[in-house]
């Protein structure tokens, strides 16, 4: 897993670092092209299937978390009266 790097216009580096920076609001999730991350992810998963099947689970968790964060930001915000607390939809870890 440590050798996998995401290659984007706004970020190049390990997927877990990208996730960390998004959670700390140092990289805007809306600037991340999830389709490109997914393409790179699928290429890497195919490689992992042959090299280390156990490493796929960690990789899947990080990729799924990134997709969840992006989808929450893209969904319409409910009116404040029906929202739980009107806070930012991104989870704070």
N, C-alpha and C. Protein backbone atom coordinates (compact mmCIF):
# COMPACT_ATOMS: atom_id res chain seq x y z
N UNK A 1 0.82 -1.20 0.00
CA UNK A 1 0.00 0.00 0.00
C UNK A 1 0.85 1.26 0.00
N UNK A 2 1.98 1.26 0.68
CA UNK A 2 2.77 2.48 0.82
C UNK A 2 3.35 2.94 -0.49
N UNK A 3 3.43 2.06 -1.50
CA UNK A 3 4.00 2.46 -2.77
C UNK A 3 2.96 3.07 -3.72
N UNK A 4 1.68 2.99 -3.38
CA UNK A 4 0.63 3.55 -4.24
C UNK A 4 0.55 5.05 -4.08
N UNK A 5 0.54 5.76 -5.20
CA UNK A 5 0.46 7.21 -5.19
C UNK A 5 -0.64 7.66 -6.15
N UNK A 6 -1.44 8.63 -5.70
CA UNK A 6 -2.47 9.24 -6.52
C UNK A 6 -1.80 10.35 -7.33
N UNK A 7 -2.11 10.43 -8.61
CA UNK A 7 -1.55 11.45 -9.49
C UNK A 7 -2.67 12.38 -9.97
N UNK A 8 -2.78 13.57 -9.39
CA UNK A 8 -3.81 14.54 -9.76
C UNK A 8 -3.17 15.89 -10.01
N UNK A 9 -3.92 16.81 -10.59
CA UNK A 9 -3.41 18.17 -10.80
C UNK A 9 -3.18 18.89 -9.48
N UNK A 10 -4.07 18.67 -8.51
CA UNK A 10 -3.99 19.39 -7.24
C UNK A 10 -3.24 18.63 -6.15
N UNK A 11 -2.91 17.36 -6.43
CA UNK A 11 -2.25 16.55 -5.40
C UNK A 11 -1.55 15.37 -6.07
N UNK A 12 -0.35 15.09 -5.61
CA UNK A 12 0.36 13.87 -5.98
C UNK A 12 0.96 13.30 -4.71
N UNK A 13 0.58 12.08 -4.40
CA UNK A 13 1.10 11.46 -3.20
C UNK A 13 0.26 10.28 -2.79
N UNK A 14 0.53 9.74 -1.61
CA UNK A 14 -0.22 8.58 -1.12
C UNK A 14 -1.69 8.91 -0.89
N UNK A 15 -2.55 7.92 -1.14
CA UNK A 15 -3.99 8.11 -0.95
C UNK A 15 -4.32 8.42 0.50
N UNK A 16 -3.64 7.78 1.43
CA UNK A 16 -3.94 8.04 2.83
C UNK A 16 -3.57 9.47 3.23
N UNK A 17 -2.54 10.05 2.61
CA UNK A 17 -2.20 11.45 2.87
C UNK A 17 -3.26 12.38 2.29
N UNK A 18 -3.75 12.07 1.10
CA UNK A 18 -4.83 12.87 0.51
C UNK A 18 -6.05 12.86 1.42
N UNK A 19 -6.43 11.70 1.90
CA UNK A 19 -7.57 11.60 2.81
C UNK A 19 -7.34 12.41 4.07
N UNK A 20 -6.15 12.34 4.63
CA UNK A 20 -5.80 13.11 5.83
C UNK A 20 -5.92 14.62 5.56
N UNK A 21 -5.41 15.08 4.43
CA UNK A 21 -5.46 16.51 4.10
C UNK A 21 -6.89 16.99 3.86
N UNK A 22 -7.71 16.14 3.28
CA UNK A 22 -9.12 16.50 3.07
C UNK A 22 -9.83 16.62 4.41
N UNK A 23 -9.58 15.68 5.30
CA UNK A 23 -10.22 15.73 6.62
C UNK A 23 -9.81 16.97 7.41
N UNK A 24 -8.60 17.46 7.20
CA UNK A 24 -8.12 18.65 7.91
C UNK A 24 -8.43 19.94 7.14
N UNK A 25 -9.21 19.82 6.06
CA UNK A 25 -9.60 20.97 5.23
C UNK A 25 -8.41 21.68 4.61
N UNK A 26 -7.32 20.94 4.36
CA UNK A 26 -6.16 21.51 3.69
C UNK A 26 -6.24 21.30 2.18
N UNK A 27 -7.06 20.35 1.75
CA UNK A 27 -7.35 20.11 0.34
C UNK A 27 -8.86 20.07 0.22
N UNK A 28 -9.42 20.80 -0.73
CA UNK A 28 -10.87 20.84 -0.93
C UNK A 28 -11.31 19.59 -1.68
N UNK A 29 -12.22 18.84 -1.10
CA UNK A 29 -12.72 17.61 -1.72
C UNK A 29 -13.35 17.89 -3.08
N UNK A 30 -13.90 19.09 -3.25
CA UNK A 30 -14.53 19.42 -4.53
C UNK A 30 -13.51 19.58 -5.65
N UNK A 31 -12.23 19.73 -5.31
CA UNK A 31 -11.17 19.83 -6.32
C UNK A 31 -10.61 18.47 -6.73
N UNK A 32 -11.11 17.40 -6.11
CA UNK A 32 -10.59 16.07 -6.37
C UNK A 32 -11.47 15.38 -7.41
N UNK A 33 -10.90 15.04 -8.58
CA UNK A 33 -11.68 14.32 -9.60
C UNK A 33 -11.78 12.84 -9.23
N UNK A 34 -12.90 12.48 -8.63
CA UNK A 34 -13.09 11.13 -8.13
C UNK A 34 -12.99 10.10 -9.26
N UNK A 35 -13.42 10.44 -10.47
CA UNK A 35 -13.33 9.50 -11.59
C UNK A 35 -11.88 9.12 -11.87
N UNK A 36 -10.98 10.09 -11.83
CA UNK A 36 -9.57 9.80 -12.07
C UNK A 36 -8.97 8.98 -10.92
N UNK A 37 -9.35 9.31 -9.69
CA UNK A 37 -8.87 8.54 -8.54
C UNK A 37 -9.38 7.09 -8.66
N UNK A 38 -10.62 6.93 -9.10
CA UNK A 38 -11.21 5.60 -9.24
C UNK A 38 -10.48 4.79 -10.33
N UNK A 39 -10.18 5.43 -11.46
CA UNK A 39 -9.44 4.74 -12.52
C UNK A 39 -8.08 4.26 -12.02
N UNK A 40 -7.37 5.15 -11.33
CA UNK A 40 -6.07 4.78 -10.80
C UNK A 40 -6.21 3.68 -9.74
N UNK A 41 -7.26 3.79 -8.96
CA UNK A 41 -7.54 2.80 -7.92
C UNK A 41 -7.76 1.42 -8.53
N UNK A 42 -8.58 1.34 -9.58
CA UNK A 42 -8.87 0.06 -10.20
C UNK A 42 -7.61 -0.57 -10.80
N UNK A 43 -6.75 0.24 -11.39
CA UNK A 43 -5.49 -0.27 -11.91
C UNK A 43 -4.64 -0.86 -10.78
N UNK A 44 -4.61 -0.16 -9.66
CA UNK A 44 -3.81 -0.62 -8.54
C UNK A 44 -4.42 -1.89 -7.91
N UNK A 45 -5.74 -1.96 -7.82
CA UNK A 45 -6.40 -3.14 -7.25
C UNK A 45 -6.08 -4.37 -8.10
N UNK A 46 -6.09 -4.22 -9.41
CA UNK A 46 -5.77 -5.35 -10.28
C UNK A 46 -4.34 -5.83 -10.02
N UNK A 47 -3.45 -4.91 -9.78
CA UNK A 47 -2.07 -5.28 -9.46
C UNK A 47 -2.01 -5.98 -8.09
N UNK A 48 -2.74 -5.44 -7.11
CA UNK A 48 -2.74 -6.02 -5.76
C UNK A 48 -3.32 -7.43 -5.74
N UNK A 49 -4.31 -7.68 -6.59
CA UNK A 49 -4.92 -9.01 -6.64
C UNK A 49 -3.85 -10.08 -6.88
N UNK A 50 -2.86 -9.71 -7.67
CA UNK A 50 -1.81 -10.67 -8.00
C UNK A 50 -0.69 -10.67 -6.97
N UNK A 51 -0.43 -9.53 -6.35
CA UNK A 51 0.71 -9.42 -5.44
C UNK A 51 0.35 -9.67 -3.97
N UNK A 52 -0.70 -8.98 -3.47
CA UNK A 52 -1.03 -9.07 -2.05
C UNK A 52 -2.53 -8.85 -1.84
N UNK A 53 -3.32 -9.91 -1.92
CA UNK A 53 -4.78 -9.76 -1.78
C UNK A 53 -5.21 -9.15 -0.44
N UNK A 54 -4.44 -9.35 0.64
CA UNK A 54 -4.82 -8.79 1.94
C UNK A 54 -4.73 -7.26 1.96
N UNK A 55 -3.88 -6.69 1.13
CA UNK A 55 -3.72 -5.23 1.12
C UNK A 55 -4.91 -4.52 0.48
N UNK A 56 -5.71 -5.24 -0.27
CA UNK A 56 -6.85 -4.62 -0.95
C UNK A 56 -7.85 -4.04 0.05
N UNK A 57 -8.06 -4.69 1.18
CA UNK A 57 -9.07 -4.22 2.14
C UNK A 57 -8.73 -2.83 2.68
N UNK A 58 -7.48 -2.57 3.04
CA UNK A 58 -7.09 -1.24 3.52
C UNK A 58 -7.30 -0.19 2.43
N UNK A 59 -6.94 -0.56 1.23
CA UNK A 59 -7.08 0.34 0.10
C UNK A 59 -8.55 0.67 -0.16
N UNK A 60 -9.41 -0.35 -0.07
CA UNK A 60 -10.84 -0.15 -0.29
C UNK A 60 -11.44 0.79 0.74
N UNK A 61 -11.03 0.68 1.99
CA UNK A 61 -11.55 1.54 3.05
C UNK A 61 -11.21 3.00 2.75
N UNK A 62 -9.97 3.28 2.38
CA UNK A 62 -9.58 4.67 2.08
C UNK A 62 -10.32 5.21 0.87
N UNK A 63 -10.43 4.41 -0.18
CA UNK A 63 -11.12 4.86 -1.39
C UNK A 63 -12.61 5.10 -1.11
N UNK A 64 -13.24 4.21 -0.36
CA UNK A 64 -14.66 4.37 -0.03
C UNK A 64 -14.89 5.61 0.82
N UNK A 65 -13.98 5.90 1.74
CA UNK A 65 -14.11 7.09 2.57
C UNK A 65 -14.01 8.35 1.72
N UNK A 66 -13.08 8.38 0.78
CA UNK A 66 -12.96 9.52 -0.12
C UNK A 66 -14.24 9.74 -0.92
N UNK A 67 -14.80 8.67 -1.45
CA UNK A 67 -16.03 8.76 -2.24
C UNK A 67 -17.19 9.23 -1.36
N UNK A 68 -17.27 8.75 -0.13
CA UNK A 68 -18.33 9.19 0.77
C UNK A 68 -18.23 10.69 1.06
N UNK A 69 -17.02 11.16 1.34
CA UNK A 69 -16.82 12.59 1.62
C UNK A 69 -17.24 13.44 0.42
N UNK A 70 -16.83 13.05 -0.76
CA UNK A 70 -17.17 13.81 -1.97
C UNK A 70 -18.67 13.79 -2.20
N UNK A 71 -19.32 12.64 -2.05
CA UNK A 71 -20.76 12.56 -2.30
C UNK A 71 -21.54 13.40 -1.30
N UNK A 72 -21.10 13.45 -0.04
CA UNK A 72 -21.78 14.28 0.95
C UNK A 72 -21.68 15.76 0.59
N UNK A 73 -20.55 16.17 0.04
CA UNK A 73 -20.38 17.57 -0.34
C UNK A 73 -21.19 17.93 -1.58
N UNK A 74 -21.45 16.96 -2.43
CA UNK A 74 -22.19 17.23 -3.66
C UNK A 74 -23.70 17.16 -3.49
N UNK A 75 -24.16 16.52 -2.43
CA UNK A 75 -25.61 16.42 -2.20
C UNK A 75 -26.16 17.78 -1.78
N UNK A 76 -27.41 18.06 -2.15
CA UNK A 76 -28.00 19.32 -1.72
C UNK A 76 -28.10 19.39 -0.20
N UNK A 77 -27.90 20.55 0.32
CA UNK A 77 -27.99 20.76 1.76
C UNK A 77 -29.45 20.91 2.14
N UNK A 78 -29.93 20.14 3.13
CA UNK A 78 -31.33 20.26 3.54
C UNK A 78 -31.56 21.62 4.21
N UNK A 79 -32.79 22.10 4.18
CA UNK A 79 -33.08 23.36 4.87
C UNK A 79 -32.68 23.26 6.34
N UNK A 80 -32.30 24.38 6.93
CA UNK A 80 -31.81 24.38 8.29
C UNK A 80 -32.82 23.83 9.29
N UNK A 81 -34.11 24.04 9.06
CA UNK A 81 -35.09 23.56 10.02
C UNK A 81 -35.20 22.03 10.01
N UNK A 82 -34.84 21.38 8.90
CA UNK A 82 -34.90 19.92 8.88
C UNK A 82 -33.54 19.27 9.09
N UNK A 83 -32.48 20.06 9.07
CA UNK A 83 -31.15 19.51 9.30
C UNK A 83 -30.96 19.26 10.79
N UNK A 84 -30.10 18.31 11.11
CA UNK A 84 -29.87 18.01 12.52
C UNK A 84 -29.33 19.22 13.26
N UNK A 85 -28.24 19.80 12.74
CA UNK A 85 -27.67 20.97 13.41
C UNK A 85 -27.19 22.02 12.42
N UNK A 86 -27.39 21.78 11.11
CA UNK A 86 -27.00 22.76 10.10
C UNK A 86 -25.50 22.84 9.90
N UNK A 87 -24.76 21.85 10.37
CA UNK A 87 -23.31 21.90 10.26
C UNK A 87 -22.84 21.40 8.90
N UNK A 88 -21.58 21.54 8.68
CA UNK A 88 -20.92 21.07 7.47
C UNK A 88 -21.15 19.55 7.36
N UNK A 89 -21.51 19.04 6.15
CA UNK A 89 -21.82 17.61 6.02
C UNK A 89 -20.59 16.71 6.14
N UNK A 90 -19.40 17.28 6.07
CA UNK A 90 -18.21 16.44 6.17
C UNK A 90 -18.01 15.98 7.60
N UNK A 91 -17.80 14.70 7.79
CA UNK A 91 -17.56 14.21 9.16
C UNK A 91 -16.25 14.75 9.71
N UNK A 92 -16.21 14.98 10.97
CA UNK A 92 -14.98 15.45 11.65
C UNK A 92 -14.43 14.29 12.45
N UNK A 93 -13.25 13.84 12.06
CA UNK A 93 -12.63 12.71 12.76
C UNK A 93 -11.65 13.19 13.76
